PDB file of N, CA and C in Angstrom:
ATOM      1  N   MET A   1     133.331 136.120  40.830  1.00  0.00           N
ATOM      2  CA  MET A   1     132.602 135.084  40.124  1.00  0.00           C
ATOM      3  C   MET A   1     131.115 135.434  40.020  1.00  0.00           C
ATOM      4  N   LEU A   2     130.565 136.020  41.037  1.00  0.00           N
ATOM      5  CA  LEU A   2     129.147 136.337  41.015  1.00  0.00           C
ATOM      6  C   LEU A   2     128.820 137.455  40.029  1.00  0.00           C
ATOM      7  N   PHE A   3     129.796 138.313  39.743  1.00  0.00           N
ATOM      8  CA  PHE A   3     129.567 139.427  38.828  1.00  0.00           C
ATOM      9  C   PHE A   3     130.120 139.155  37.432  1.00  0.00           C
ATOM     10  N   ALA A   4     130.485 137.930  37.146  1.00  0.00           N
ATOM     11  CA  ALA A   4     131.083 137.573  35.855  1.00  0.00           C
ATOM     12  C   ALA A   4     130.215 137.961  34.656  1.00  0.00           C
ATOM     13  N   PRO A   5     128.903 137.760  34.692  1.00  0.00           N
ATOM     14  CA  PRO A   5     128.097 138.116  33.513  1.00  0.00           C
ATOM     15  C   PRO A   5     128.078 139.612  33.197  1.00  0.00           C
ATOM     16  N   LEU A   6     128.500 140.445  34.137  1.00  0.00           N
ATOM     17  CA  LEU A   6     128.516 141.889  33.883  1.00  0.00           C
ATOM     18  C   LEU A   6     129.648 142.305  32.958  1.00  0.00           C
ATOM     19  N   PHE A   7     130.688 141.484  32.861  1.00  0.00           N
ATOM     20  CA  PHE A   7     131.858 141.841  32.074  1.00  0.00           C
ATOM     21  C   PHE A   7     131.875 141.044  30.771  1.00  0.00           C
ATOM     22  N   PRO A   8     132.189 141.698  29.662  1.00  0.00           N
ATOM     23  CA  PRO A   8     132.204 141.004  28.370  1.00  0.00           C
ATOM     24  C   PRO A   8     133.269 139.900  28.329  1.00  0.00           C
ATOM     25  N   GLY A   9     132.910 138.781  27.738  1.00  0.00           N
ATOM     26  CA  GLY A   9     133.855 137.680  27.579  1.00  0.00           C
ATOM     27  C   GLY A   9     134.010 136.795  28.791  1.00  0.00           C
ATOM     28  N   THR A  10     133.194 136.992  29.806  1.00  0.00           N
ATOM     29  CA  THR A  10     133.268 136.144  31.000  1.00  0.00           C
ATOM     30  C   THR A  10     131.988 135.326  31.130  1.00  0.00           C
ATOM     31  N   ALA A  11     132.059 134.280  31.919  1.00  0.00           N
ATOM     32  CA  ALA A  11     130.903 133.392  32.092  1.00  0.00           C
ATOM     33  C   ALA A  11     130.804 132.959  33.548  1.00  0.00           C
ATOM     34  N   TRP A  12     129.662 132.364  33.892  1.00  0.00           N
ATOM     35  CA  TRP A  12     129.450 131.861  35.251  1.00  0.00           C
ATOM     36  C   TRP A  12     130.416 130.732  35.581  1.00  0.00           C
ATOM     37  N   HIS A  13     130.746 129.951  34.586  1.00  0.00           N
ATOM     38  CA  HIS A  13     131.608 128.783  34.816  1.00  0.00           C
ATOM     39  C   HIS A  13     132.544 128.599  33.626  1.00  0.00           C
ATOM     40  N   ASP A  14     133.592 127.840  33.842  1.00  0.00           N
ATOM     41  CA  ASP A  14     134.557 127.550  32.784  1.00  0.00           C
ATOM     42  C   ASP A  14     133.976 126.464  31.890  1.00  0.00           C
ATOM     43  N   PRO A  15     133.794 126.727  30.598  1.00  0.00           N
ATOM     44  CA  PRO A  15     133.175 125.741  29.709  1.00  0.00           C
ATOM     45  C   PRO A  15     133.942 124.422  29.619  1.00  0.00           C
ATOM     46  N   GLU A  16     135.239 124.453  29.898  1.00  0.00           N
ATOM     47  CA  GLU A  16     136.027 123.225  29.838  1.00  0.00           C
ATOM     48  C   GLU A  16     135.662 122.250  30.950  1.00  0.00           C
ATOM     49  N   PHE A  17     135.156 122.751  32.065  1.00  0.00           N
ATOM     50  CA  PHE A  17     134.916 121.919  33.232  1.00  0.00           C
ATOM     51  C   PHE A  17     133.434 121.769  33.576  1.00  0.00           C
ATOM     52  N   VAL A  18     132.558 122.010  32.631  1.00  0.00           N
ATOM     53  CA  VAL A  18     131.118 121.913  32.883  1.00  0.00           C
ATOM     54  C   VAL A  18     130.731 120.504  33.341  1.00  0.00           C
ATOM     55  N   ASP A  19     131.294 119.487  32.708  1.00  0.00           N
ATOM     56  CA  ASP A  19     130.940 118.108  33.059  1.00  0.00           C
ATOM     57  C   ASP A  19     131.500 117.688  34.407  1.00  0.00           C
ATOM     58  N   LEU A  20     132.562 118.321  34.870  1.00  0.00           N
ATOM     59  CA  LEU A  20     133.193 117.947  36.135  1.00  0.00           C
ATOM     60  C   LEU A  20     132.604 118.686  37.333  1.00  0.00           C
ATOM     61  N   ASP A  21     131.904 119.768  37.086  1.00  0.00           N
ATOM     62  CA  ASP A  21     131.383 120.611  38.160  1.00  0.00           C
ATOM     63  C   ASP A  21     130.049 120.063  38.664  1.00  0.00           C
ATOM     64  N   PRO A  22     129.986 119.619  39.927  1.00  0.00           N
ATOM     65  CA  PRO A  22     128.712 119.099  40.448  1.00  0.00           C
ATOM     66  C   PRO A  22     127.697 120.223  40.635  1.00  0.00           C
ATOM     67  N   MET A  23     126.426 119.892  40.503  1.00  0.00           N
ATOM     68  CA  MET A  23     125.358 120.874  40.660  1.00  0.00           C
ATOM     69  C   MET A  23     124.634 120.642  41.987  1.00  0.00           C
ATOM     70  N   PHE A  24     124.409 121.728  42.735  1.00  0.00           N
ATOM     71  CA  PHE A  24     123.657 121.698  43.984  1.00  0.00           C
ATOM     72  C   PHE A  24     122.596 122.778  43.906  1.00  0.00           C
ATOM     73  N   LEU A  25     121.363 122.415  44.152  1.00  0.00           N
ATOM     74  CA  LEU A  25     120.242 123.362  44.118  1.00  0.00           C
ATOM     75  C   LEU A  25     120.171 124.114  42.789  1.00  0.00           C
ATOM     76  N   GLY A  26     120.548 123.439  41.716  1.00  0.00           N
ATOM     77  CA  GLY A  26     120.462 124.019  40.387  1.00  0.00           C
ATOM     78  C   GLY A  26     121.586 124.958  40.001  1.00  0.00           C
ATOM     79  N   MET A  27     122.622 125.046  40.828  1.00  0.00           N
ATOM     80  CA  MET A  27     123.756 125.904  40.502  1.00  0.00           C
ATOM     81  C   MET A  27     125.055 125.178  40.807  1.00  0.00           C
ATOM     82  N   SER A  28     126.147 125.668  40.229  1.00  0.00           N
ATOM     83  CA  SER A  28     127.428 125.013  40.455  1.00  0.00           C
ATOM     84  C   SER A  28     127.847 125.163  41.910  1.00  0.00           C
ATOM     85  N   ALA A  29     128.696 124.253  42.347  1.00  0.00           N
ATOM     86  CA  ALA A  29     129.151 124.263  43.741  1.00  0.00           C
ATOM     87  C   ALA A  29     129.904 125.548  44.064  1.00  0.00           C
ATOM     88  N   GLN A  30     130.719 126.042  43.123  1.00  0.00           N
ATOM     89  CA  GLN A  30     131.466 127.278  43.360  1.00  0.00           C
ATOM     90  C   GLN A  30     130.536 128.467  43.548  1.00  0.00           C
ATOM     91  N   LYS A  31     129.494 128.539  42.738  1.00  0.00           N
ATOM     92  CA  LYS A  31     128.552 129.650  42.859  1.00  0.00           C
ATOM     93  C   LYS A  31     127.783 129.562  44.179  1.00  0.00           C
ATOM     94  N   LEU A  32     127.400 128.353  44.577  1.00  0.00           N
ATOM     95  CA  LEU A  32     126.682 128.175  45.837  1.00  0.00           C
ATOM     96  C   LEU A  32     127.548 128.597  47.019  1.00  0.00           C
ATOM     97  N   VAL A  33     128.808 128.179  47.032  1.00  0.00           N
ATOM     98  CA  VAL A  33     129.716 128.565  48.109  1.00  0.00           C
ATOM     99  C   VAL A  33     129.937 130.072  48.110  1.00  0.00           C
ATOM    100  N   ALA A  34     130.085 130.673  46.934  1.00  0.00           N
ATOM    101  CA  ALA A  34     130.273 132.120  46.846  1.00  0.00           C
ATOM    102  C   ALA A  34     129.056 132.865  47.396  1.00  0.00           C
ATOM    103  N   LEU A  35     127.864 132.405  47.081  1.00  0.00           N
ATOM    104  CA  LEU A  35     126.649 133.040  47.604  1.00  0.00           C
ATOM    105  C   LEU A  35     126.547 132.904  49.118  1.00  0.00           C
ATOM    106  N   ILE A  36     126.910 131.738  49.646  1.00  0.00           N
ATOM    107  CA  ILE A  36     126.874 131.524  51.095  1.00  0.00           C
ATOM    108  C   ILE A  36     127.869 132.441  51.794  1.00  0.00           C
ATOM    109  N   VAL A  37     129.087 132.526  51.267  1.00  0.00           N
ATOM    110  CA  VAL A  37     130.102 133.377  51.872  1.00  0.00           C
ATOM    111  C   VAL A  37     129.692 134.847  51.811  1.00  0.00           C
ATOM    112  N   CYS A  38     129.172 135.292  50.689  1.00  0.00           N
ATOM    113  CA  CYS A  38     128.725 136.684  50.565  1.00  0.00           C
ATOM    114  C   CYS A  38     127.570 136.978  51.515  1.00  0.00           C
ATOM    115  N   THR A  39     126.665 136.033  51.672  1.00  0.00           N
ATOM    116  CA  THR A  39     125.551 136.205  52.606  1.00  0.00           C
ATOM    117  C   THR A  39     126.047 136.310  54.046  1.00  0.00           C
ATOM    118  N   LEU A  40     126.995 135.457  54.419  1.00  0.00           N
ATOM    119  CA  LEU A  40     127.557 135.522  55.769  1.00  0.00           C
ATOM    120  C   LEU A  40     128.290 136.837  56.014  1.00  0.00           C
ATOM    121  N   LEU A  41     129.048 137.304  55.022  1.00  0.00           N
ATOM    122  CA  LEU A  41     129.740 138.583  55.162  1.00  0.00           C
ATOM    123  C   LEU A  41     128.756 139.738  55.284  1.00  0.00           C
ATOM    124  N   LEU A  42     127.711 139.722  54.496  1.00  0.00           N
ATOM    125  CA  LEU A  42     126.697 140.770  54.574  1.00  0.00           C
ATOM    126  C   LEU A  42     126.000 140.763  55.938  1.00  0.00           C
ATOM    127  N   CYS A  43     125.649 139.586  56.431  1.00  0.00           N
ATOM    128  CA  CYS A  43     125.028 139.487  57.757  1.00  0.00           C
ATOM    129  C   CYS A  43     125.974 139.990  58.843  1.00  0.00           C
ATOM    130  N   GLY A  44     127.252 139.648  58.727  1.00  0.00           N
ATOM    131  CA  GLY A  44     128.239 140.123  59.697  1.00  0.00           C
ATOM    132  C   GLY A  44     128.356 141.634  59.696  1.00  0.00           C
ATOM    133  N   CYS A  45     128.342 142.224  58.518  1.00  0.00           N
ATOM    134  CA  CYS A  45     128.407 143.686  58.420  1.00  0.00           C
ATOM    135  C   CYS A  45     127.160 144.335  59.005  1.00  0.00           C
ATOM    136  N   ILE A  46     126.017 143.757  58.731  1.00  0.00           N
ATOM    137  CA  ILE A  46     124.758 144.309  59.272  1.00  0.00           C
ATOM    138  C   ILE A  46     124.738 144.217  60.788  1.00  0.00           C
ATOM    139  N   PHE A  47     125.130 143.076  61.347  1.00  0.00           N
ATOM    140  CA  PHE A  47     125.142 142.921  62.804  1.00  0.00           C
ATOM    141  C   PHE A  47     126.182 143.824  63.454  1.00  0.00           C
ATOM    142  N   ALA A  48     127.344 143.978  62.824  1.00  0.00           N
ATOM    143  CA  ALA A  48     128.374 144.859  63.373  1.00  0.00           C
ATOM    144  C   ALA A  48     127.890 146.308  63.359  1.00  0.00           C
ATOM    145  N   TYR A  49     127.233 146.714  62.301  1.00  0.00           N
ATOM    146  CA  TYR A  49     126.714 148.075  62.223  1.00  0.00           C
ATOM    147  C   TYR A  49     125.600 148.296  63.242  1.00  0.00           C
ATOM    148  N   ALA A  50     124.774 147.279  63.464  1.00  0.00           N
ATOM    149  CA  ALA A  50     123.653 147.404  64.408  1.00  0.00           C
ATOM    150  C   ALA A  50     124.137 147.509  65.848  1.00  0.00           C
ATOM    151  N   ARG A  51     125.293 146.935  66.155  1.00  0.00           N
ATOM    152  CA  ARG A  51     125.811 146.983  67.530  1.00  0.00           C
ATOM    153  C   ARG A  51     126.465 148.307  67.852  1.00  0.00           C
ATOM    154  N   ARG A  52     126.706 149.144  66.866  1.00  0.00           N
ATOM    155  CA  ARG A  52     127.367 150.433  67.102  1.00  0.00           C
ATOM    156  C   ARG A  52     126.592 151.329  67.976  1.00  0.00           C
TER     157      ARG A  52
END
């Protein structure tokens, strides 16, 4: 979902559900959750690598 704009014919969100998707901090809830999860995974990888 985060890389959707890189591919032709894809979008950040489904146009059919724009009105149903709540906005948090100026972005859709799905995008916010995806960013949080990716950030946590990246931090986990960095900490795991640092403990080696």
